[in-house]
Amino acid sequence: YERSWPVRNRDDVLLSYNNVDRPIHITCGHGGKGLYRWMWDFPARSTYDYPAPLFSASRDNQNWGHCELEFLDTRTVKHRMYLMGSDTPVENVTITRSLGARVTASLTLLAACFTLSLT
């Protein structure tokens, strides 16, 4: 799991989720975890090393859980992260998009296994 601050070009970071005008990245799931463990430009450095990059608001690669996004209106989304077996979120973040921003939402779900049930 990792959630970024609003970031552009890796180093242009805002430390707030109010009036956001740049992308926020949320990765929730352990599928493919081994594929991104090592930094491509520093093969001896793990992506989980500390200190975390400036753009990283929160990260956890020790626990299992799931995330939820609740779109409250066209500018506001609530993000919650739950640990497996818990119904209380360990993270509860509200993100508000800038009125003039041309930010699009994209959600990438990584999972080791998907089960789709049609009933």
PDB file of N, CA and C in Angstrom:
ATOM      1  N   TYR A   1       0.847  -1.178   0.000  1.00  0.00           N
ATOM      2  CA  TYR A   1       0.000   0.000   0.000  1.00  0.00           C
ATOM      3  C   TYR A   1       0.883   1.227   0.000  1.00  0.00           C
ATOM      4  N   GLU A   2       0.535   2.167  -0.831  1.00  0.00           N
ATOM      5  CA  GLU A   2       1.196   3.462  -0.784  1.00  0.00           C
ATOM      6  C   GLU A   2       0.239   4.521  -1.291  1.00  0.00           C
ATOM      7  N   ARG A   3       0.278   5.683  -0.637  1.00  0.00           N
ATOM      8  CA  ARG A   3      -0.521   6.842  -1.035  1.00  0.00           C
ATOM      9  C   ARG A   3       0.431   8.015  -1.158  1.00  0.00           C
ATOM     10  N   SER A   4       0.355   8.698  -2.280  1.00  0.00           N
ATOM     11  CA  SER A   4       1.249   9.843  -2.474  1.00  0.00           C
ATOM     12  C   SER A   4       0.546  11.141  -2.101  1.00  0.00           C
ATOM     13  N   TRP A   5       1.356  12.148  -1.865  1.00  0.00           N
ATOM     14  CA  TRP A   5       0.855  13.512  -1.836  1.00  0.00           C
ATOM     15  C   TRP A   5       0.591  13.909  -3.279  1.00  0.00           C
ATOM     16  N   PRO A   6      -0.128  14.989  -3.530  1.00  0.00           N
ATOM     17  CA  PRO A   6      -0.252  15.477  -4.910  1.00  0.00           C
ATOM     18  C   PRO A   6       1.153  15.774  -5.452  1.00  0.00           C
ATOM     19  N   VAL A   7       1.486  15.174  -6.601  1.00  0.00           N
ATOM     20  CA  VAL A   7       2.867  15.255  -7.084  1.00  0.00           C
ATOM     21  C   VAL A   7       2.900  15.434  -8.601  1.00  0.00           C
ATOM     22  N   ARG A   8       3.892  16.204  -9.043  1.00  0.00           N
ATOM     23  CA  ARG A   8       4.168  16.376 -10.470  1.00  0.00           C
ATOM     24  C   ARG A   8       5.677  16.293 -10.632  1.00  0.00           C
ATOM     25  N   ASN A   9       6.128  15.461 -11.536  1.00  0.00           N
ATOM     26  CA  ASN A   9       7.562  15.319 -11.819  1.00  0.00           C
ATOM     27  C   ASN A   9       8.382  14.923 -10.593  1.00  0.00           C
ATOM     28  N   ARG A  10       7.838  14.074  -9.770  1.00  0.00           N
ATOM     29  CA  ARG A  10       8.480  13.457  -8.607  1.00  0.00           C
ATOM     30  C   ARG A  10       8.865  14.422  -7.485  1.00  0.00           C
ATOM     31  N   ASP A  11       9.343  15.612  -7.792  1.00  0.00           N
ATOM     32  CA  ASP A  11       9.820  16.528  -6.765  1.00  0.00           C
ATOM     33  C   ASP A  11       8.915  17.733  -6.529  1.00  0.00           C
ATOM     34  N   ASP A  12       7.936  17.957  -7.402  1.00  0.00           N
ATOM     35  CA  ASP A  12       6.996  19.069  -7.245  1.00  0.00           C
ATOM     36  C   ASP A  12       5.803  18.550  -6.453  1.00  0.00           C
ATOM     37  N   VAL A  13       5.883  18.653  -5.110  1.00  0.00           N
ATOM     38  CA  VAL A  13       4.949  17.989  -4.197  1.00  0.00           C
ATOM     39  C   VAL A  13       4.176  19.011  -3.374  1.00  0.00           C
ATOM     40  N   LEU A  14       2.874  18.793  -3.236  1.00  0.00           N
ATOM     41  CA  LEU A  14       2.053  19.564  -2.295  1.00  0.00           C
ATOM     42  C   LEU A  14       1.766  18.685  -1.087  1.00  0.00           C
ATOM     43  N   LEU A  15       1.895  19.211   0.105  1.00  0.00           N
ATOM     44  CA  LEU A  15       1.663  18.434   1.317  1.00  0.00           C
ATOM     45  C   LEU A  15       0.261  18.691   1.870  1.00  0.00           C
ATOM     46  N   SER A  16      -0.716  18.728   0.971  1.00  0.00           N
ATOM     47  CA  SER A  16      -2.113  18.957   1.348  1.00  0.00           C
ATOM     48  C   SER A  16      -3.012  18.291   0.312  1.00  0.00           C
ATOM     49  N   TYR A  17      -4.197  17.870   0.737  1.00  0.00           N
ATOM     50  CA  TYR A  17      -5.185  17.299  -0.180  1.00  0.00           C
ATOM     51  C   TYR A  17      -6.318  18.280  -0.461  1.00  0.00           C
ATOM     52  N   ASN A  18      -6.132  19.548  -0.111  1.00  0.00           N
ATOM     53  CA  ASN A  18      -7.122  20.576  -0.377  1.00  0.00           C
ATOM     54  C   ASN A  18      -6.762  21.336  -1.645  1.00  0.00           C
ATOM     55  N   ASN A  19      -7.724  21.471  -2.543  1.00  0.00           N
ATOM     56  CA  ASN A  19      -7.532  22.260  -3.765  1.00  0.00           C
ATOM     57  C   ASN A  19      -6.426  21.670  -4.648  1.00  0.00           C
ATOM     58  N   VAL A  20      -6.446  20.368  -4.837  1.00  0.00           N
ATOM     59  CA  VAL A  20      -5.405  19.624  -5.550  1.00  0.00           C
ATOM     60  C   VAL A  20      -5.443  19.921  -7.050  1.00  0.00           C
ATOM     61  N   ASP A  21      -4.265  20.170  -7.620  1.00  0.00           N
ATOM     62  CA  ASP A  21      -4.168  20.436  -9.061  1.00  0.00           C
ATOM     63  C   ASP A  21      -3.167  19.505  -9.759  1.00  0.00           C
ATOM     64  N   ARG A  22      -2.815  18.395  -9.114  1.00  0.00           N
ATOM     65  CA  ARG A  22      -1.885  17.423  -9.696  1.00  0.00           C
ATOM     66  C   ARG A  22      -2.278  16.013  -9.252  1.00  0.00           C
ATOM     67  N   PRO A  23      -1.751  14.989  -9.889  1.00  0.00           N
ATOM     68  CA  PRO A  23      -2.160  13.614  -9.584  1.00  0.00           C
ATOM     69  C   PRO A  23      -1.790  13.159  -8.171  1.00  0.00           C
ATOM     70  N   ILE A  24      -2.628  12.273  -7.647  1.00  0.00           N
ATOM     71  CA  ILE A  24      -2.379  11.554  -6.405  1.00  0.00           C
ATOM     72  C   ILE A  24      -2.396  10.080  -6.777  1.00  0.00           C
ATOM     73  N   HIS A  25      -1.412   9.331  -6.331  1.00  0.00           N
ATOM     74  CA  HIS A  25      -1.318   7.917  -6.668  1.00  0.00           C
ATOM     75  C   HIS A  25      -1.607   7.079  -5.429  1.00  0.00           C
ATOM     76  N   ILE A  26      -2.516   6.124  -5.572  1.00  0.00           N
ATOM     77  CA  ILE A  26      -2.839   5.196  -4.493  1.00  0.00           C
ATOM     78  C   ILE A  26      -2.672   3.793  -5.040  1.00  0.00           C
ATOM     79  N   THR A  27      -1.774   3.036  -4.455  1.00  0.00           N
ATOM     80  CA  THR A  27      -1.579   1.639  -4.829  1.00  0.00           C
ATOM     81  C   THR A  27      -2.034   0.805  -3.647  1.00  0.00           C
ATOM     82  N   CYS A  28      -3.014  -0.048  -3.885  1.00  0.00           N
ATOM     83  CA  CYS A  28      -3.575  -0.853  -2.813  1.00  0.00           C
ATOM     84  C   CYS A  28      -3.606  -2.298  -3.276  1.00  0.00           C
ATOM     85  N   GLY A  29      -2.801  -3.143  -2.676  1.00  0.00           N
ATOM     86  CA  GLY A  29      -2.735  -4.547  -3.064  1.00  0.00           C
ATOM     87  C   GLY A  29      -1.296  -5.005  -3.175  1.00  0.00           C
ATOM     88  N   HIS A  30      -1.082  -6.304  -3.050  1.00  0.00           N
ATOM     89  CA  HIS A  30       0.276  -6.850  -3.076  1.00  0.00           C
ATOM     90  C   HIS A  30       0.609  -7.573  -4.372  1.00  0.00           C
ATOM     91  N   GLY A  31      -0.315  -7.639  -5.329  1.00  0.00           N
ATOM     92  CA  GLY A  31      -0.035  -8.335  -6.585  1.00  0.00           C
ATOM     93  C   GLY A  31       1.127  -7.682  -7.314  1.00  0.00           C
ATOM     94  N   GLY A  32       2.095  -8.458  -7.714  1.00  0.00           N
ATOM     95  CA  GLY A  32       3.256  -7.935  -8.424  1.00  0.00           C
ATOM     96  C   GLY A  32       4.244  -7.215  -7.532  1.00  0.00           C
ATOM     97  N   LYS A  33       4.104  -7.358  -6.227  1.00  0.00           N
ATOM     98  CA  LYS A  33       4.958  -6.655  -5.274  1.00  0.00           C
ATOM     99  C   LYS A  33       6.446  -6.835  -5.576  1.00  0.00           C
ATOM    100  N   GLY A  34       6.839  -8.044  -5.941  1.00  0.00           N
ATOM    101  CA  GLY A  34       8.239  -8.305  -6.237  1.00  0.00           C
ATOM    102  C   GLY A  34       8.733  -7.601  -7.491  1.00  0.00           C
ATOM    103  N   LEU A  35       7.807  -7.222  -8.407  1.00  0.00           N
ATOM    104  CA  LEU A  35       8.208  -6.581  -9.653  1.00  0.00           C
ATOM    105  C   LEU A  35       8.706  -5.162  -9.456  1.00  0.00           C
ATOM    106  N   TYR A  36       8.235  -4.498  -8.409  1.00  0.00           N
ATOM    107  CA  TYR A  36       8.673  -3.123  -8.203  1.00  0.00           C
ATOM    108  C   TYR A  36       9.473  -2.950  -6.912  1.00  0.00           C
ATOM    109  N   ARG A  37      10.036  -4.038  -6.405  1.00  0.00           N
ATOM    110  CA  ARG A  37      10.825  -3.941  -5.172  1.00  0.00           C
ATOM    111  C   ARG A  37      12.124  -3.163  -5.376  1.00  0.00           C
ATOM    112  N   TRP A  38      12.770  -3.327  -6.519  1.00  0.00           N
ATOM    113  CA  TRP A  38      14.061  -2.674  -6.745  1.00  0.00           C
ATOM    114  C   TRP A  38      13.896  -1.482  -7.668  1.00  0.00           C
ATOM    115  N   MET A  39      14.589  -0.396  -7.342  1.00  0.00           N
ATOM    116  CA  MET A  39      14.521   0.811  -8.155  1.00  0.00           C
ATOM    117  C   MET A  39      15.284   0.566  -9.459  1.00  0.00           C
ATOM    118  N   TRP A  40      14.666   0.904 -10.577  1.00  0.00           N
ATOM    119  CA  TRP A  40      15.275   0.613 -11.882  1.00  0.00           C
ATOM    120  C   TRP A  40      16.589   1.351 -12.087  1.00  0.00           C
ATOM    121  N   ASP A  41      16.737   2.556 -11.522  1.00  0.00           N
ATOM    122  CA  ASP A  41      17.963   3.316 -11.727  1.00  0.00           C
ATOM    123  C   ASP A  41      18.988   3.127 -10.608  1.00  0.00           C
ATOM    124  N   PHE A  42      18.608   2.420  -9.530  1.00  0.00           N
ATOM    125  CA  PHE A  42      19.516   2.098  -8.436  1.00  0.00           C
ATOM    126  C   PHE A  42      19.275   0.644  -8.050  1.00  0.00           C
ATOM    127  N   PRO A  43      19.818  -0.336  -8.794  1.00  0.00           N
ATOM    128  CA  PRO A  43      19.475  -1.743  -8.580  1.00  0.00           C
ATOM    129  C   PRO A  43      19.738  -2.266  -7.173  1.00  0.00           C
ATOM    130  N   ALA A  44      20.644  -1.656  -6.437  1.00  0.00           N
ATOM    131  CA  ALA A  44      20.935  -2.142  -5.085  1.00  0.00           C
ATOM    132  C   ALA A  44      20.037  -1.487  -4.037  1.00  0.00           C
ATOM    133  N   ARG A  45      19.133  -0.599  -4.456  1.00  0.00           N
ATOM    134  CA  ARG A  45      18.279   0.115  -3.505  1.00  0.00           C
ATOM    135  C   ARG A  45      16.836  -0.368  -3.627  1.00  0.00           C
ATOM    136  N   SER A  46      16.263  -0.759  -2.514  1.00  0.00           N
ATOM    137  CA  SER A  46      14.878  -1.215  -2.474  1.00  0.00           C
ATOM    138  C   SER A  46      13.929  -0.028  -2.476  1.00  0.00           C
ATOM    139  N   THR A  47      12.770  -0.179  -3.100  1.00  0.00           N
ATOM    140  CA  THR A  47      11.771   0.885  -3.087  1.00  0.00           C
ATOM    141  C   THR A  47      11.168   1.061  -1.696  1.00  0.00           C
ATOM    142  N   TYR A  48      11.416   0.090  -0.800  1.00  0.00           N
ATOM    143  CA  TYR A  48      10.891   0.172   0.559  1.00  0.00           C
ATOM    144  C   TYR A  48      11.892   0.757   1.543  1.00  0.00           C
ATOM    145  N   ASP A  49      13.074   1.161   1.066  1.00  0.00           N
ATOM    146  CA  ASP A  49      14.071   1.759   1.948  1.00  0.00           C
ATOM    147  C   ASP A  49      13.543   3.054   2.549  1.00  0.00           C
ATOM    148  N   TYR A  50      14.118   3.417   3.678  1.00  0.00           N
ATOM    149  CA  TYR A  50      13.786   4.683   4.312  1.00  0.00           C
ATOM    150  C   TYR A  50      15.001   5.572   4.277  1.00  0.00           C
ATOM    151  N   PRO A  51      14.854   6.859   4.173  1.00  0.00           N
ATOM    152  CA  PRO A  51      13.578   7.540   4.247  1.00  0.00           C
ATOM    153  C   PRO A  51      12.786   7.377   2.952  1.00  0.00           C
ATOM    154  N   ALA A  52      11.472   7.445   3.094  1.00  0.00           N
ATOM    155  CA  ALA A  52      10.593   7.375   1.924  1.00  0.00           C
ATOM    156  C   ALA A  52      10.775   8.651   1.100  1.00  0.00           C
ATOM    157  N   PRO A  53      10.486   8.589  -0.195  1.00  0.00           N
ATOM    158  CA  PRO A  53      10.585   9.799  -1.011  1.00  0.00           C
ATOM    159  C   PRO A  53       9.627  10.882  -0.508  1.00  0.00           C
ATOM    160  N   LEU A  54       9.924  12.134  -0.812  1.00  0.00           N
ATOM    161  CA  LEU A  54       9.110  13.261  -0.369  1.00  0.00           C
ATOM    162  C   LEU A  54       7.642  13.111  -0.773  1.00  0.00           C
ATOM    163  N   PHE A  55       7.374  12.539  -1.959  1.00  0.00           N
ATOM    164  CA  PHE A  55       5.996  12.430  -2.440  1.00  0.00           C
ATOM    165  C   PHE A  55       5.182  11.369  -1.710  1.00  0.00           C
ATOM    166  N   SER A  56       5.805  10.494  -0.933  1.00  0.00           N
ATOM    167  CA  SER A  56       5.109   9.409  -0.254  1.00  0.00           C
ATOM    168  C   SER A  56       4.467   9.901   1.038  1.00  0.00           C
ATOM    169  N   ALA A  57       3.129   9.917   1.078  1.00  0.00           N
ATOM    170  CA  ALA A  57       2.404  10.360   2.269  1.00  0.00           C
ATOM    171  C   ALA A  57       2.251   9.221   3.268  1.00  0.00           C
ATOM    172  N   SER A  58       2.085   7.989   2.749  1.00  0.00           N
ATOM    173  CA  SER A  58       1.893   6.830   3.616  1.00  0.00           C
ATOM    174  C   SER A  58       2.278   5.576   2.844  1.00  0.00           C
ATOM    175  N   ARG A  59       2.888   4.619   3.523  1.00  0.00           N
ATOM    176  CA  ARG A  59       3.246   3.348   2.878  1.00  0.00           C
ATOM    177  C   ARG A  59       3.263   2.238   3.907  1.00  0.00           C
ATOM    178  N   ASP A  60       2.905   1.034   3.450  1.00  0.00           N
ATOM    179  CA  ASP A  60       2.863  -0.137   4.323  1.00  0.00           C
ATOM    180  C   ASP A  60       3.006  -1.371   3.448  1.00  0.00           C
ATOM    181  N   ASN A  61       4.052  -2.136   3.656  1.00  0.00           N
ATOM    182  CA  ASN A  61       4.197  -3.391   2.919  1.00  0.00           C
ATOM    183  C   ASN A  61       4.262  -4.573   3.885  1.00  0.00           C
ATOM    184  N   GLN A  62       3.739  -4.371   5.102  1.00  0.00           N
ATOM    185  CA  GLN A  62       3.754  -5.430   6.108  1.00  0.00           C
ATOM    186  C   GLN A  62       2.375  -6.024   6.382  1.00  0.00           C
ATOM    187  N   ASN A  63       1.312  -5.306   6.050  1.00  0.00           N
ATOM    188  CA  ASN A  63      -0.040  -5.722   6.397  1.00  0.00           C
ATOM    189  C   ASN A  63      -0.897  -5.938   5.157  1.00  0.00           C
ATOM    190  N   TRP A  64      -1.914  -6.764   5.291  1.00  0.00           N
ATOM    191  CA  TRP A  64      -2.900  -6.991   4.240  1.00  0.00           C
ATOM    192  C   TRP A  64      -4.133  -6.153   4.557  1.00  0.00           C
ATOM    193  N   GLY A  65      -4.845  -5.753   3.543  1.00  0.00           N
ATOM    194  CA  GLY A  65      -6.054  -4.972   3.754  1.00  0.00           C
ATOM    195  C   GLY A  65      -6.701  -4.618   2.432  1.00  0.00           C
ATOM    196  N   HIS A  66      -7.579  -3.630   2.471  1.00  0.00           N
ATOM    197  CA  HIS A  66      -8.219  -3.163   1.246  1.00  0.00           C
ATOM    198  C   HIS A  66      -8.490  -1.667   1.366  1.00  0.00           C
ATOM    199  N   CYS A  67      -8.788  -1.049   0.227  1.00  0.00           N
ATOM    200  CA  CYS A  67      -9.050   0.382   0.172  1.00  0.00           C
ATOM    201  C   CYS A  67     -10.432   0.624  -0.419  1.00  0.00           C
ATOM    202  N   GLU A  68     -11.007   1.751  -0.060  1.00  0.00           N
ATOM    203  CA  GLU A  68     -12.284   2.177  -0.621  1.00  0.00           C
ATOM    204  C   GLU A  68     -12.179   3.629  -1.052  1.00  0.00           C
ATOM    205  N   LEU A  69     -12.786   3.942  -2.191  1.00  0.00           N
ATOM    206  CA  LEU A  69     -12.913   5.323  -2.640  1.00  0.00           C
ATOM    207  C   LEU A  69     -14.398   5.652  -2.685  1.00  0.00           C
ATOM    208  N   GLU A  70     -14.784   6.750  -2.049  1.00  0.00           N
ATOM    209  CA  GLU A  70     -16.168   7.201  -2.079  1.00  0.00           C
ATOM    210  C   GLU A  70     -16.192   8.582  -2.728  1.00  0.00           C
ATOM    211  N   PHE A  71     -16.804   8.664  -3.916  1.00  0.00           N
ATOM    212  CA  PHE A  71     -16.886   9.936  -4.622  1.00  0.00           C
ATOM    213  C   PHE A  71     -18.087  10.705  -4.082  1.00  0.00           C
ATOM    214  N   LEU A  72     -17.809  11.792  -3.362  1.00  0.00           N
ATOM    215  CA  LEU A  72     -18.865  12.551  -2.703  1.00  0.00           C
ATOM    216  C   LEU A  72     -19.542  13.535  -3.653  1.00  0.00           C
ATOM    217  N   ASP A  73     -18.780  14.104  -4.576  1.00  0.00           N
ATOM    218  CA  ASP A  73     -19.306  14.986  -5.622  1.00  0.00           C
ATOM    219  C   ASP A  73     -18.241  15.064  -6.710  1.00  0.00           C
ATOM    220  N   THR A  74     -18.383  15.975  -7.663  1.00  0.00           N
ATOM    221  CA  THR A  74     -17.452  16.031  -8.800  1.00  0.00           C
ATOM    222  C   THR A  74     -16.060  16.512  -8.422  1.00  0.00           C
ATOM    223  N   ARG A  75     -15.897  17.076  -7.225  1.00  0.00           N
ATOM    224  CA  ARG A  75     -14.595  17.581  -6.797  1.00  0.00           C
ATOM    225  C   ARG A  75     -14.005  16.866  -5.589  1.00  0.00           C
ATOM    226  N   THR A  76     -14.794  15.997  -4.934  1.00  0.00           N
ATOM    227  CA  THR A  76     -14.367  15.466  -3.642  1.00  0.00           C
ATOM    228  C   THR A  76     -14.444  13.946  -3.599  1.00  0.00           C
ATOM    229  N   VAL A  77     -13.376  13.332  -3.127  1.00  0.00           N
ATOM    230  CA  VAL A  77     -13.349  11.882  -2.941  1.00  0.00           C
ATOM    231  C   VAL A  77     -12.808  11.582  -1.548  1.00  0.00           C
ATOM    232  N   LYS A  78     -13.374  10.583  -0.908  1.00  0.00           N
ATOM    233  CA  LYS A  78     -12.910  10.132   0.403  1.00  0.00           C
ATOM    234  C   LYS A  78     -12.211   8.786   0.205  1.00  0.00           C
ATOM    235  N   HIS A  79     -10.991   8.683   0.687  1.00  0.00           N
ATOM    236  CA  HIS A  79     -10.190   7.466   0.578  1.00  0.00           C
ATOM    237  C   HIS A  79     -10.044   6.858   1.965  1.00  0.00           C
ATOM    238  N   ARG A  80     -10.363   5.553   2.072  1.00  0.00           N
ATOM    239  CA  ARG A  80     -10.206   4.840   3.340  1.00  0.00           C
ATOM    240  C   ARG A  80      -9.375   3.589   3.106  1.00  0.00           C
ATOM    241  N   MET A  81      -8.486   3.288   4.065  1.00  0.00           N
ATOM    242  CA  MET A  81      -7.686   2.074   4.002  1.00  0.00           C
ATOM    243  C   MET A  81      -7.961   1.271   5.261  1.00  0.00           C
ATOM    244  N   TYR A  82      -8.302  -0.028   5.067  1.00  0.00           N
ATOM    245  CA  TYR A  82      -8.635  -0.925   6.173  1.00  0.00           C
ATOM    246  C   TYR A  82      -7.621  -2.062   6.229  1.00  0.00           C
ATOM    247  N   LEU A  83      -7.223  -2.451   7.421  1.00  0.00           N
ATOM    248  CA  LEU A  83      -6.427  -3.660   7.586  1.00  0.00           C
ATOM    249  C   LEU A  83      -7.365  -4.860   7.557  1.00  0.00           C
ATOM    250  N   MET A  84      -6.862  -5.986   7.068  1.00  0.00           N
ATOM    251  CA  MET A  84      -7.678  -7.187   6.956  1.00  0.00           C
ATOM    252  C   MET A  84      -8.307  -7.542   8.303  1.00  0.00           C
ATOM    253  N   GLY A  85      -9.613  -7.819   8.278  1.00  0.00           N
ATOM    254  CA  GLY A  85     -10.337  -8.218   9.480  1.00  0.00           C
ATOM    255  C   GLY A  85     -10.858  -7.061  10.313  1.00  0.00           C
ATOM    256  N   SER A  86     -10.608  -5.822   9.882  1.00  0.00           N
ATOM    257  CA  SER A  86     -11.048  -4.663  10.651  1.00  0.00           C
ATOM    258  C   SER A  86     -12.124  -3.897   9.885  1.00  0.00           C
ATOM    259  N   ASP A  87     -13.087  -3.336  10.618  1.00  0.00           N
ATOM    260  CA  ASP A  87     -14.092  -2.503   9.967  1.00  0.00           C
ATOM    261  C   ASP A  87     -13.880  -1.022  10.290  1.00  0.00           C
ATOM    262  N   THR A  88     -12.749  -0.711  10.917  1.00  0.00           N
ATOM    263  CA  THR A  88     -12.383   0.670  11.223  1.00  0.00           C
ATOM    264  C   THR A  88     -11.195   1.055  10.350  1.00  0.00           C
ATOM    265  N   PRO A  89     -11.311   2.119   9.556  1.00  0.00           N
ATOM    266  CA  PRO A  89     -10.193   2.485   8.680  1.00  0.00           C
ATOM    267  C   PRO A  89      -8.976   2.971   9.465  1.00  0.00           C
ATOM    268  N   VAL A  90      -7.791   2.571   9.015  1.00  0.00           N
ATOM    269  CA  VAL A  90      -6.557   3.095   9.608  1.00  0.00           C
ATOM    270  C   VAL A  90      -6.165   4.406   8.931  1.00  0.00           C
ATOM    271  N   GLU A  91      -6.749   4.655   7.757  1.00  0.00           N
ATOM    272  CA  GLU A  91      -6.570   5.930   7.060  1.00  0.00           C
ATOM    273  C   GLU A  91      -7.928   6.379   6.543  1.00  0.00           C
ATOM    274  N   ASN A  92      -8.200   7.669   6.681  1.00  0.00           N
ATOM    275  CA  ASN A  92      -9.455   8.245   6.234  1.00  0.00           C
ATOM    276  C   ASN A  92      -9.128   9.648   5.741  1.00  0.00           C
ATOM    277  N   VAL A  93      -8.949   9.781   4.424  1.00  0.00           N
ATOM    278  CA  VAL A  93      -8.434  11.010   3.835  1.00  0.00           C
ATOM    279  C   VAL A  93      -9.464  11.570   2.852  1.00  0.00           C
ATOM    280  N   THR A  94      -9.733  12.864   2.942  1.00  0.00           N
ATOM    281  CA  THR A  94     -10.616  13.537   1.990  1.00  0.00           C
ATOM    282  C   THR A  94      -9.767  14.354   1.033  1.00  0.00           C
ATOM    283  N   ILE A  95      -9.997  14.170  -0.264  1.00  0.00           N
ATOM    284  CA  ILE A  95      -9.235  14.845  -1.317  1.00  0.00           C
ATOM    285  C   ILE A  95     -10.188  15.743  -2.089  1.00  0.00           C
ATOM    286  N   THR A  96      -9.824  17.023  -2.223  1.00  0.00           N
ATOM    287  CA  THR A  96     -10.653  17.979  -2.945  1.00  0.00           C
ATOM    288  C   THR A  96      -9.872  18.541  -4.132  1.00  0.00           C
ATOM    289  N   ARG A  97     -10.440  18.404  -5.305  1.00  0.00           N
ATOM    290  CA  ARG A  97      -9.803  18.864  -6.543  1.00  0.00           C
ATOM    291  C   ARG A  97      -9.997  20.361  -6.712  1.00  0.00           C
ATOM    292  N   SER A  98      -8.979  21.020  -7.250  1.00  0.00           N
ATOM    293  CA  SER A  98      -9.050  22.442  -7.570  1.00  0.00           C
ATOM    294  C   SER A  98     -10.114  22.674  -8.642  1.00  0.00           C
ATOM    295  N   LEU A  99     -10.833  23.778  -8.564  1.00  0.00           N
ATOM    296  CA  LEU A  99     -11.870  24.087  -9.560  1.00  0.00           C
ATOM    297  C   LEU A  99     -11.305  24.169 -10.966  1.00  0.00           C
ATOM    298  N   GLY A 100     -10.122  24.758 -11.108  1.00  0.00           N
ATOM    299  CA  GLY A 100      -9.544  24.944 -12.426  1.00  0.00           C
ATOM    300  C   GLY A 100      -8.665  23.801 -12.902  1.00  0.00           C
ATOM    301  N   ALA A 101      -8.452  22.813 -12.064  1.00  0.00           N
ATOM    302  CA  ALA A 101      -7.533  21.729 -12.408  1.00  0.00           C
ATOM    303  C   ALA A 101      -8.125  20.799 -13.446  1.00  0.00           C
ATOM    304  N   ARG A 102      -7.293  20.341 -14.349  1.00  0.00           N
ATOM    305  CA  ARG A 102      -7.703  19.343 -15.331  1.00  0.00           C
ATOM    306  C   ARG A 102      -7.097  18.014 -14.925  1.00  0.00           C
ATOM    307  N   VAL A 103      -7.457  17.569 -13.754  1.00  0.00           N
ATOM    308  CA  VAL A 103      -6.943  16.321 -13.205  1.00  0.00           C
ATOM    309  C   VAL A 103      -7.954  15.225 -13.488  1.00  0.00           C
ATOM    310  N   THR A 104      -7.480  14.103 -13.963  1.00  0.00           N
ATOM    311  CA  THR A 104      -8.364  12.968 -14.189  1.00  0.00           C
ATOM    312  C   THR A 104      -8.082  11.910 -13.136  1.00  0.00           C
ATOM    313  N   ALA A 105      -9.062  11.115 -12.871  1.00  0.00           N
ATOM    314  CA  ALA A 105      -8.889  10.052 -11.883  1.00  0.00           C
ATOM    315  C   ALA A 105      -8.587   8.750 -12.591  1.00  0.00           C
ATOM    316  N   SER A 106      -7.599   8.044 -12.103  1.00  0.00           N
ATOM    317  CA  SER A 106      -7.358   6.696 -12.600  1.00  0.00           C
ATOM    318  C   SER A 106      -7.028   5.836 -11.407  1.00  0.00           C
ATOM    319  N   LEU A 107      -7.557   4.649 -11.422  1.00  0.00           N
ATOM    320  CA  LEU A 107      -7.377   3.744 -10.298  1.00  0.00           C
ATOM    321  C   LEU A 107      -6.798   2.458 -10.835  1.00  0.00           C
ATOM    322  N   THR A 108      -5.650   2.076 -10.315  1.00  0.00           N
ATOM    323  CA  THR A 108      -5.024   0.819 -10.697  1.00  0.00           C
ATOM    324  C   THR A 108      -5.098  -0.111  -9.513  1.00  0.00           C
ATOM    325  N   LEU A 109      -5.765  -1.229  -9.694  1.00  0.00           N
ATOM    326  CA  LEU A 109      -5.857  -2.223  -8.638  1.00  0.00           C
ATOM    327  C   LEU A 109      -4.936  -3.369  -8.992  1.00  0.00           C
ATOM    328  N   LEU A 110      -4.009  -3.637  -8.118  1.00  0.00           N
ATOM    329  CA  LEU A 110      -3.103  -4.756  -8.299  1.00  0.00           C
ATOM    330  C   LEU A 110      -3.533  -5.852  -7.342  1.00  0.00           C
ATOM    331  N   ALA A 111      -3.720  -7.020  -7.864  1.00  0.00           N
ATOM    332  CA  ALA A 111      -4.113  -8.130  -7.003  1.00  0.00           C
ATOM    333  C   ALA A 111      -3.500  -9.413  -7.535  1.00  0.00           C
ATOM    334  N   ALA A 112      -3.174 -10.282  -6.641  1.00  0.00           N
ATOM    335  CA  ALA A 112      -2.602 -11.568  -7.034  1.00  0.00           C
ATOM    336  C   ALA A 112      -3.660 -12.428  -7.704  1.00  0.00           C
ATOM    337  N   CYS A 113      -4.890 -12.253  -7.340  1.00  0.00           N
ATOM    338  CA  CYS A 113      -5.933 -13.141  -7.824  1.00  0.00           C
ATOM    339  C   CYS A 113      -7.260 -12.397  -7.802  1.00  0.00           C
ATOM    340  N   PHE A 114      -8.013 -12.449  -8.894  1.00  0.00           N
ATOM    341  CA  PHE A 114      -9.325 -11.830  -8.942  1.00  0.00           C
ATOM    342  C   PHE A 114     -10.377 -12.928  -9.054  1.00  0.00           C
ATOM    343  N   THR A 115     -11.469 -12.742  -8.381  1.00  0.00           N
ATOM    344  CA  THR A 115     -12.600 -13.624  -8.542  1.00  0.00           C
ATOM    345  C   THR A 115     -13.796 -12.764  -8.866  1.00  0.00           C
ATOM    346  N   LEU A 116     -14.406 -13.027  -9.981  1.00  0.00           N
ATOM    347  CA  LEU A 116     -15.575 -12.281 -10.412  1.00  0.00           C
ATOM    348  C   LEU A 116     -16.766 -13.215 -10.321  1.00  0.00           C
ATOM    349  N   SER A 117     -17.734 -12.798  -9.591  1.00  0.00           N
ATOM    350  CA  SER A 117     -18.910 -13.636  -9.400  1.00  0.00           C
ATOM    351  C   SER A 117     -20.116 -12.928  -9.992  1.00  0.00           C
ATOM    352  N   LEU A 118     -20.742 -13.513 -10.953  1.00  0.00           N
ATOM    353  CA  LEU A 118     -21.951 -12.972 -11.556  1.00  0.00           C
ATOM    354  C   LEU A 118     -23.131 -13.809 -11.108  1.00  0.00           C
ATOM    355  N   THR A 119     -24.041 -13.182 -10.442  1.00  0.00           N
ATOM    356  CA  THR A 119     -25.223 -13.909  -9.986  1.00  0.00           C
ATOM    357  C   THR A 119     -26.474 -13.263 -10.491  1.00  0.00           C
TER     358      THR A 119
END
